Amino acid sequence: MSALATVSSRVVQALRQSSHPVLRTLAVEETESTVVITGRVTSYYLKQLAQETVMPILDRQALLNRVLVVRT
């Protein structure tokens, strides 16, 4: 398994283990230098929570948080 697949898998796993169901639906894309999380959440708190869930997992990659806050 490549290092990229390992980081990506760990990020997805961390989001899937969240107690907040909406975080489990976020998409993860990865390049050698960046991890991108995308999707929609209902509050800025959940956007930040997604980011804080992912940050400790990253190796030397940057995080691009493209999660949108959409009020319903």
PDB file of N, CA and C in Angstrom:
ATOM      1  N   MET A   1       0.845  -1.183   0.000  1.00  0.00           N
ATOM      2  CA  MET A   1       0.000   0.000   0.000  1.00  0.00           C
ATOM      3  C   MET A   1       0.882   1.234   0.000  1.00  0.00           C
ATOM      4  N   SER A   2       0.575   2.189  -0.869  1.00  0.00           N
ATOM      5  CA  SER A   2       1.394   3.385  -0.951  1.00  0.00           C
ATOM      6  C   SER A   2       1.127   4.311   0.228  1.00  0.00           C
ATOM      7  N   ALA A   3       2.052   5.243   0.444  1.00  0.00           N
ATOM      8  CA  ALA A   3       1.891   6.210   1.532  1.00  0.00           C
ATOM      9  C   ALA A   3       0.652   7.065   1.305  1.00  0.00           C
ATOM     10  N   LEU A   4       0.374   7.414   0.039  1.00  0.00           N
ATOM     11  CA  LEU A   4      -0.820   8.204  -0.256  1.00  0.00           C
ATOM     12  C   LEU A   4      -2.083   7.453   0.141  1.00  0.00           C
ATOM     13  N   ALA A   5      -2.165   6.207  -0.234  1.00  0.00           N
ATOM     14  CA  ALA A   5      -3.344   5.417   0.102  1.00  0.00           C
ATOM     15  C   ALA A   5      -3.485   5.282   1.612  1.00  0.00           C
ATOM     16  N   THR A   6      -2.400   5.162   2.315  1.00  0.00           N
ATOM     17  CA  THR A   6      -2.438   5.022   3.761  1.00  0.00           C
ATOM     18  C   THR A   6      -3.007   6.271   4.415  1.00  0.00           C
ATOM     19  N   VAL A   7      -2.525   7.443   4.044  1.00  0.00           N
ATOM     20  CA  VAL A   7      -3.024   8.689   4.633  1.00  0.00           C
ATOM     21  C   VAL A   7      -4.490   8.876   4.274  1.00  0.00           C
ATOM     22  N   SER A   8      -4.835   8.699   3.029  1.00  0.00           N
ATOM     23  CA  SER A   8      -6.211   8.858   2.582  1.00  0.00           C
ATOM     24  C   SER A   8      -7.139   7.900   3.323  1.00  0.00           C
ATOM     25  N   SER A   9      -6.733   6.671   3.456  1.00  0.00           N
ATOM     26  CA  SER A   9      -7.536   5.682   4.167  1.00  0.00           C
ATOM     27  C   SER A   9      -7.735   6.063   5.622  1.00  0.00           C
ATOM     28  N   ARG A  10      -6.684   6.565   6.250  1.00  0.00           N
ATOM     29  CA  ARG A  10      -6.794   6.966   7.661  1.00  0.00           C
ATOM     30  C   ARG A  10      -7.700   8.170   7.826  1.00  0.00           C
ATOM     31  N   VAL A  11      -7.651   9.107   6.886  1.00  0.00           N
ATOM     32  CA  VAL A  11      -8.527  10.283   6.943  1.00  0.00           C
ATOM     33  C   VAL A  11      -9.985   9.845   6.797  1.00  0.00           C
ATOM     34  N   VAL A  12     -10.259   9.025   5.820  1.00  0.00           N
ATOM     35  CA  VAL A  12     -11.625   8.533   5.610  1.00  0.00           C
ATOM     36  C   VAL A  12     -12.100   7.770   6.844  1.00  0.00           C
ATOM     37  N   GLN A  13     -11.257   6.928   7.388  1.00  0.00           N
ATOM     38  CA  GLN A  13     -11.626   6.152   8.564  1.00  0.00           C
ATOM     39  C   GLN A  13     -11.944   7.062   9.753  1.00  0.00           C
ATOM     40  N   ALA A  14     -11.136   8.077   9.958  1.00  0.00           N
ATOM     41  CA  ALA A  14     -11.375   8.999  11.076  1.00  0.00           C
ATOM     42  C   ALA A  14     -12.710   9.721  10.917  1.00  0.00           C
ATOM     43  N   LEU A  15     -13.017  10.161   9.718  1.00  0.00           N
ATOM     44  CA  LEU A  15     -14.297  10.830   9.486  1.00  0.00           C
ATOM     45  C   LEU A  15     -15.459   9.854   9.647  1.00  0.00           C
ATOM     46  N   ARG A  16     -15.296   8.627   9.208  1.00  0.00           N
ATOM     47  CA  ARG A  16     -16.361   7.619   9.306  1.00  0.00           C
ATOM     48  C   ARG A  16     -16.633   7.216  10.757  1.00  0.00           C
ATOM     49  N   GLN A  17     -15.652   7.396  11.621  1.00  0.00           N
ATOM     50  CA  GLN A  17     -15.812   7.035  13.035  1.00  0.00           C
ATOM     51  C   GLN A  17     -16.375   8.186  13.872  1.00  0.00           C
ATOM     52  N   SER A  18     -16.654   9.306  13.248  1.00  0.00           N
ATOM     53  CA  SER A  18     -17.165  10.469  13.966  1.00  0.00           C
ATOM     54  C   SER A  18     -18.539  10.179  14.560  1.00  0.00           C
ATOM     55  N   SER A  19     -18.805  10.783  15.695  1.00  0.00           N
ATOM     56  CA  SER A  19     -20.127  10.648  16.309  1.00  0.00           C
ATOM     57  C   SER A  19     -21.149  11.557  15.623  1.00  0.00           C
ATOM     58  N   HIS A  20     -20.688  12.395  14.711  1.00  0.00           N
ATOM     59  CA  HIS A  20     -21.574  13.280  13.944  1.00  0.00           C
ATOM     60  C   HIS A  20     -21.801  12.662  12.563  1.00  0.00           C
ATOM     61  N   PRO A  21     -22.997  12.180  12.291  1.00  0.00           N
ATOM     62  CA  PRO A  21     -23.262  11.481  11.022  1.00  0.00           C
ATOM     63  C   PRO A  21     -22.890  12.274   9.772  1.00  0.00           C
ATOM     64  N   VAL A  22     -23.048  13.587   9.801  1.00  0.00           N
ATOM     65  CA  VAL A  22     -22.757  14.380   8.606  1.00  0.00           C
ATOM     66  C   VAL A  22     -21.269  14.324   8.241  1.00  0.00           C
ATOM     67  N   LEU A  23     -20.389  14.168   9.218  1.00  0.00           N
ATOM     68  CA  LEU A  23     -18.958  14.080   8.917  1.00  0.00           C
ATOM     69  C   LEU A  23     -18.632  12.791   8.176  1.00  0.00           C
ATOM     70  N   ARG A  24     -19.447  11.789   8.364  1.00  0.00           N
ATOM     71  CA  ARG A  24     -19.226  10.501   7.692  1.00  0.00           C
ATOM     72  C   ARG A  24     -19.493  10.578   6.200  1.00  0.00           C
ATOM     73  N   THR A  25     -20.170  11.650   5.768  1.00  0.00           N
ATOM     74  CA  THR A  25     -20.522  11.784   4.353  1.00  0.00           C
ATOM     75  C   THR A  25     -19.529  12.632   3.564  1.00  0.00           C
ATOM     76  N   LEU A  26     -18.561  13.218   4.225  1.00  0.00           N
ATOM     77  CA  LEU A  26     -17.615  14.091   3.541  1.00  0.00           C
ATOM     78  C   LEU A  26     -16.704  13.294   2.613  1.00  0.00           C
ATOM     79  N   ALA A  27     -16.353  13.908   1.508  1.00  0.00           N
ATOM     80  CA  ALA A  27     -15.467  13.278   0.527  1.00  0.00           C
ATOM     81  C   ALA A  27     -14.027  13.707   0.785  1.00  0.00           C
ATOM     82  N   VAL A  28     -13.104  12.819   0.476  1.00  0.00           N
ATOM     83  CA  VAL A  28     -11.681  13.075   0.666  1.00  0.00           C
ATOM     84  C   VAL A  28     -10.956  12.836  -0.651  1.00  0.00           C
ATOM     85  N   GLU A  29     -10.183  13.836  -1.081  1.00  0.00           N
ATOM     86  CA  GLU A  29      -9.323  13.706  -2.256  1.00  0.00           C
ATOM     87  C   GLU A  29      -7.897  13.980  -1.802  1.00  0.00           C
ATOM     88  N   GLU A  30      -6.951  13.395  -2.507  1.00  0.00           N
ATOM     89  CA  GLU A  30      -5.564  13.527  -2.061  1.00  0.00           C
ATOM     90  C   GLU A  30      -4.598  13.592  -3.234  1.00  0.00           C
ATOM     91  N   THR A  31      -3.606  14.454  -3.078  1.00  0.00           N
ATOM     92  CA  THR A  31      -2.470  14.487  -3.988  1.00  0.00           C
ATOM     93  C   THR A  31      -1.233  14.288  -3.112  1.00  0.00           C
ATOM     94  N   GLU A  32      -0.066  14.373  -3.698  1.00  0.00           N
ATOM     95  CA  GLU A  32       1.154  14.219  -2.911  1.00  0.00           C
ATOM     96  C   GLU A  32       1.319  15.319  -1.881  1.00  0.00           C
ATOM     97  N   SER A  33       0.777  16.505  -2.168  1.00  0.00           N
ATOM     98  CA  SER A  33       1.007  17.635  -1.267  1.00  0.00           C
ATOM     99  C   SER A  33      -0.231  18.134  -0.536  1.00  0.00           C
ATOM    100  N   THR A  34      -1.415  17.652  -0.904  1.00  0.00           N
ATOM    101  CA  THR A  34      -2.639  18.206  -0.345  1.00  0.00           C
ATOM    102  C   THR A  34      -3.696  17.139  -0.100  1.00  0.00           C
ATOM    103  N   VAL A  35      -4.435  17.308   0.984  1.00  0.00           N
ATOM    104  CA  VAL A  35      -5.644  16.542   1.232  1.00  0.00           C
ATOM    105  C   VAL A  35      -6.799  17.540   1.184  1.00  0.00           C
ATOM    106  N   VAL A  36      -7.827  17.211   0.420  1.00  0.00           N
ATOM    107  CA  VAL A  36      -8.983  18.089   0.260  1.00  0.00           C
ATOM    108  C   VAL A  36     -10.208  17.381   0.819  1.00  0.00           C
ATOM    109  N   ILE A  37     -10.911  18.064   1.727  1.00  0.00           N
ATOM    110  CA  ILE A  37     -12.184  17.529   2.201  1.00  0.00           C
ATOM    111  C   ILE A  37     -13.295  18.402   1.635  1.00  0.00           C
ATOM    112  N   THR A  38     -14.345  17.758   1.116  1.00  0.00           N
ATOM    113  CA  THR A  38     -15.467  18.471   0.525  1.00  0.00           C
ATOM    114  C   THR A  38     -16.778  17.879   1.014  1.00  0.00           C
ATOM    115  N   GLY A  39     -17.800  18.674   0.928  1.00  0.00           N
ATOM    116  CA  GLY A  39     -19.133  18.248   1.317  1.00  0.00           C
ATOM    117  C   GLY A  39     -19.890  19.424   1.900  1.00  0.00           C
ATOM    118  N   ARG A  40     -21.008  19.121   2.542  1.00  0.00           N
ATOM    119  CA  ARG A  40     -21.851  20.158   3.134  1.00  0.00           C
ATOM    120  C   ARG A  40     -22.193  19.799   4.571  1.00  0.00           C
ATOM    121  N   VAL A  41     -22.154  20.798   5.411  1.00  0.00           N
ATOM    122  CA  VAL A  41     -22.548  20.655   6.812  1.00  0.00           C
ATOM    123  C   VAL A  41     -23.473  21.819   7.170  1.00  0.00           C
ATOM    124  N   THR A  42     -24.131  21.730   8.324  1.00  0.00           N
ATOM    125  CA  THR A  42     -25.114  22.748   8.701  1.00  0.00           C
ATOM    126  C   THR A  42     -24.577  23.814   9.643  1.00  0.00           C
ATOM    127  N   SER A  43     -23.321  23.714  10.040  1.00  0.00           N
ATOM    128  CA  SER A  43     -22.773  24.731  10.943  1.00  0.00           C
ATOM    129  C   SER A  43     -21.264  24.871  10.762  1.00  0.00           C
ATOM    130  N   TYR A  44     -20.781  26.046  11.133  1.00  0.00           N
ATOM    131  CA  TYR A  44     -19.345  26.293  11.088  1.00  0.00           C
ATOM    132  C   TYR A  44     -18.626  25.366  12.071  1.00  0.00           C
ATOM    133  N   TYR A  45     -19.269  25.058  13.195  1.00  0.00           N
ATOM    134  CA  TYR A  45     -18.691  24.141  14.175  1.00  0.00           C
ATOM    135  C   TYR A  45     -18.370  22.790  13.530  1.00  0.00           C
ATOM    136  N   LEU A  46     -19.302  22.254  12.739  1.00  0.00           N
ATOM    137  CA  LEU A  46     -19.068  20.959  12.099  1.00  0.00           C
ATOM    138  C   LEU A  46     -17.964  21.039  11.050  1.00  0.00           C
ATOM    139  N   LYS A  47     -17.866  22.182  10.370  1.00  0.00           N
ATOM    140  CA  LYS A  47     -16.769  22.370   9.410  1.00  0.00           C
ATOM    141  C   LYS A  47     -15.430  22.329  10.142  1.00  0.00           C
ATOM    142  N   GLN A  48     -15.339  23.035  11.265  1.00  0.00           N
ATOM    143  CA  GLN A  48     -14.112  23.052  12.061  1.00  0.00           C
ATOM    144  C   GLN A  48     -13.823  21.677  12.657  1.00  0.00           C
ATOM    145  N   LEU A  49     -14.869  20.989  13.092  1.00  0.00           N
ATOM    146  CA  LEU A  49     -14.689  19.657  13.664  1.00  0.00           C
ATOM    147  C   LEU A  49     -14.118  18.697  12.625  1.00  0.00           C
ATOM    148  N   ALA A  50     -14.588  18.792  11.405  1.00  0.00           N
ATOM    149  CA  ALA A  50     -14.046  17.951  10.331  1.00  0.00           C
ATOM    150  C   ALA A  50     -12.558  18.243  10.139  1.00  0.00           C
ATOM    151  N   GLN A  51     -12.219  19.516  10.124  1.00  0.00           N
ATOM    152  CA  GLN A  51     -10.813  19.911   9.951  1.00  0.00           C
ATOM    153  C   GLN A  51      -9.956  19.406  11.098  1.00  0.00           C
ATOM    154  N   GLU A  52     -10.425  19.565  12.315  1.00  0.00           N
ATOM    155  CA  GLU A  52      -9.655  19.126  13.478  1.00  0.00           C
ATOM    156  C   GLU A  52      -9.551  17.602  13.556  1.00  0.00           C
ATOM    157  N   THR A  53     -10.503  16.908  12.976  1.00  0.00           N
ATOM    158  CA  THR A  53     -10.444  15.445  12.918  1.00  0.00           C
ATOM    159  C   THR A  53      -9.353  14.988  11.966  1.00  0.00           C
ATOM    160  N   VAL A  54      -9.184  15.725  10.881  1.00  0.00           N
ATOM    161  CA  VAL A  54      -8.241  15.333   9.827  1.00  0.00           C
ATOM    162  C   VAL A  54      -6.809  15.781  10.108  1.00  0.00           C
ATOM    163  N   MET A  55      -6.635  16.945  10.683  1.00  0.00           N
ATOM    164  CA  MET A  55      -5.296  17.531  10.850  1.00  0.00           C
ATOM    165  C   MET A  55      -4.255  16.604  11.497  1.00  0.00           C
ATOM    166  N   PRO A  56      -4.564  15.908  12.577  1.00  0.00           N
ATOM    167  CA  PRO A  56      -3.518  15.070  13.197  1.00  0.00           C
ATOM    168  C   PRO A  56      -3.064  13.891  12.335  1.00  0.00           C
ATOM    169  N   ILE A  57      -3.824  13.563  11.330  1.00  0.00           N
ATOM    170  CA  ILE A  57      -3.519  12.399  10.492  1.00  0.00           C
ATOM    171  C   ILE A  57      -2.559  12.740   9.365  1.00  0.00           C
ATOM    172  N   LEU A  58      -2.561  13.996   8.941  1.00  0.00           N
ATOM    173  CA  LEU A  58      -1.756  14.403   7.793  1.00  0.00           C
ATOM    174  C   LEU A  58      -0.273  14.240   8.077  1.00  0.00           C
ATOM    175  N   ASP A  59       0.433  13.807   7.069  1.00  0.00           N
ATOM    176  CA  ASP A  59       1.882  13.708   7.176  1.00  0.00           C
ATOM    177  C   ASP A  59       2.458  15.100   6.997  1.00  0.00           C
ATOM    178  N   ARG A  60       2.947  15.374   5.827  1.00  0.00           N
ATOM    179  CA  ARG A  60       3.478  16.708   5.518  1.00  0.00           C
ATOM    180  C   ARG A  60       2.577  17.434   4.537  1.00  0.00           C
ATOM    181  N   GLN A  61       1.397  16.910   4.365  1.00  0.00           N
ATOM    182  CA  GLN A  61       0.474  17.485   3.409  1.00  0.00           C
ATOM    183  C   GLN A  61      -0.280  18.677   3.998  1.00  0.00           C
ATOM    184  N   ALA A  62      -0.696  19.547   3.111  1.00  0.00           N
ATOM    185  CA  ALA A  62      -1.553  20.663   3.503  1.00  0.00           C
ATOM    186  C   ALA A  62      -2.999  20.186   3.453  1.00  0.00           C
ATOM    187  N   LEU A  63      -3.851  20.815   4.248  1.00  0.00           N
ATOM    188  CA  LEU A  63      -5.276  20.506   4.221  1.00  0.00           C
ATOM    189  C   LEU A  63      -6.010  21.650   3.549  1.00  0.00           C
ATOM    190  N   LEU A  64      -6.850  21.318   2.598  1.00  0.00           N
ATOM    191  CA  LEU A  64      -7.722  22.282   1.966  1.00  0.00           C
ATOM    192  C   LEU A  64      -9.142  21.918   2.363  1.00  0.00           C
ATOM    193  N   ASN A  65      -9.757  22.766   3.197  1.00  0.00           N
ATOM    194  CA  ASN A  65     -11.099  22.503   3.708  1.00  0.00           C
ATOM    195  C   ASN A  65     -12.104  23.203   2.805  1.00  0.00           C
ATOM    196  N   ARG A  66     -12.721  22.438   1.922  1.00  0.00           N
ATOM    197  CA  ARG A  66     -13.728  22.969   0.994  1.00  0.00           C
ATOM    198  C   ARG A  66     -15.138  22.579   1.431  1.00  0.00           C
ATOM    199  N   VAL A  67     -15.304  22.288   2.684  1.00  0.00           N
ATOM    200  CA  VAL A  67     -16.623  21.956   3.216  1.00  0.00           C
ATOM    201  C   VAL A  67     -17.450  23.236   3.260  1.00  0.00           C
ATOM    202  N   LEU A  68     -18.660  23.161   2.733  1.00  0.00           N
ATOM    203  CA  LEU A  68     -19.559  24.308   2.705  1.00  0.00           C
ATOM    204  C   LEU A  68     -20.524  24.257   3.877  1.00  0.00           C
ATOM    205  N   VAL A  69     -20.771  25.402   4.478  1.00  0.00           N
ATOM    206  CA  VAL A  69     -21.767  25.510   5.532  1.00  0.00           C
ATOM    207  C   VAL A  69     -23.058  25.968   4.859  1.00  0.00           C
ATOM    208  N   VAL A  70     -24.077  25.110   4.920  1.00  0.00           N
ATOM    209  CA  VAL A  70     -25.347  25.380   4.263  1.00  0.00           C
ATOM    210  C   VAL A  70     -26.447  25.334   5.302  1.00  0.00           C
ATOM    211  N   ARG A  71     -27.072  26.443   5.513  1.00  0.00           N
ATOM    212  CA  ARG A  71     -28.176  26.524   6.475  1.00  0.00           C
ATOM    213  C   ARG A  71     -29.453  26.053   5.775  1.00  0.00           C
ATOM    214  N   THR A  72     -30.210  25.220   6.459  1.00  0.00           N
ATOM    215  CA  THR A  72     -31.463  24.714   5.851  1.00  0.00           C
ATOM    216  C   THR A  72     -32.674  25.388   6.440  1.00  0.00           C
TER     217      THR A  72
END
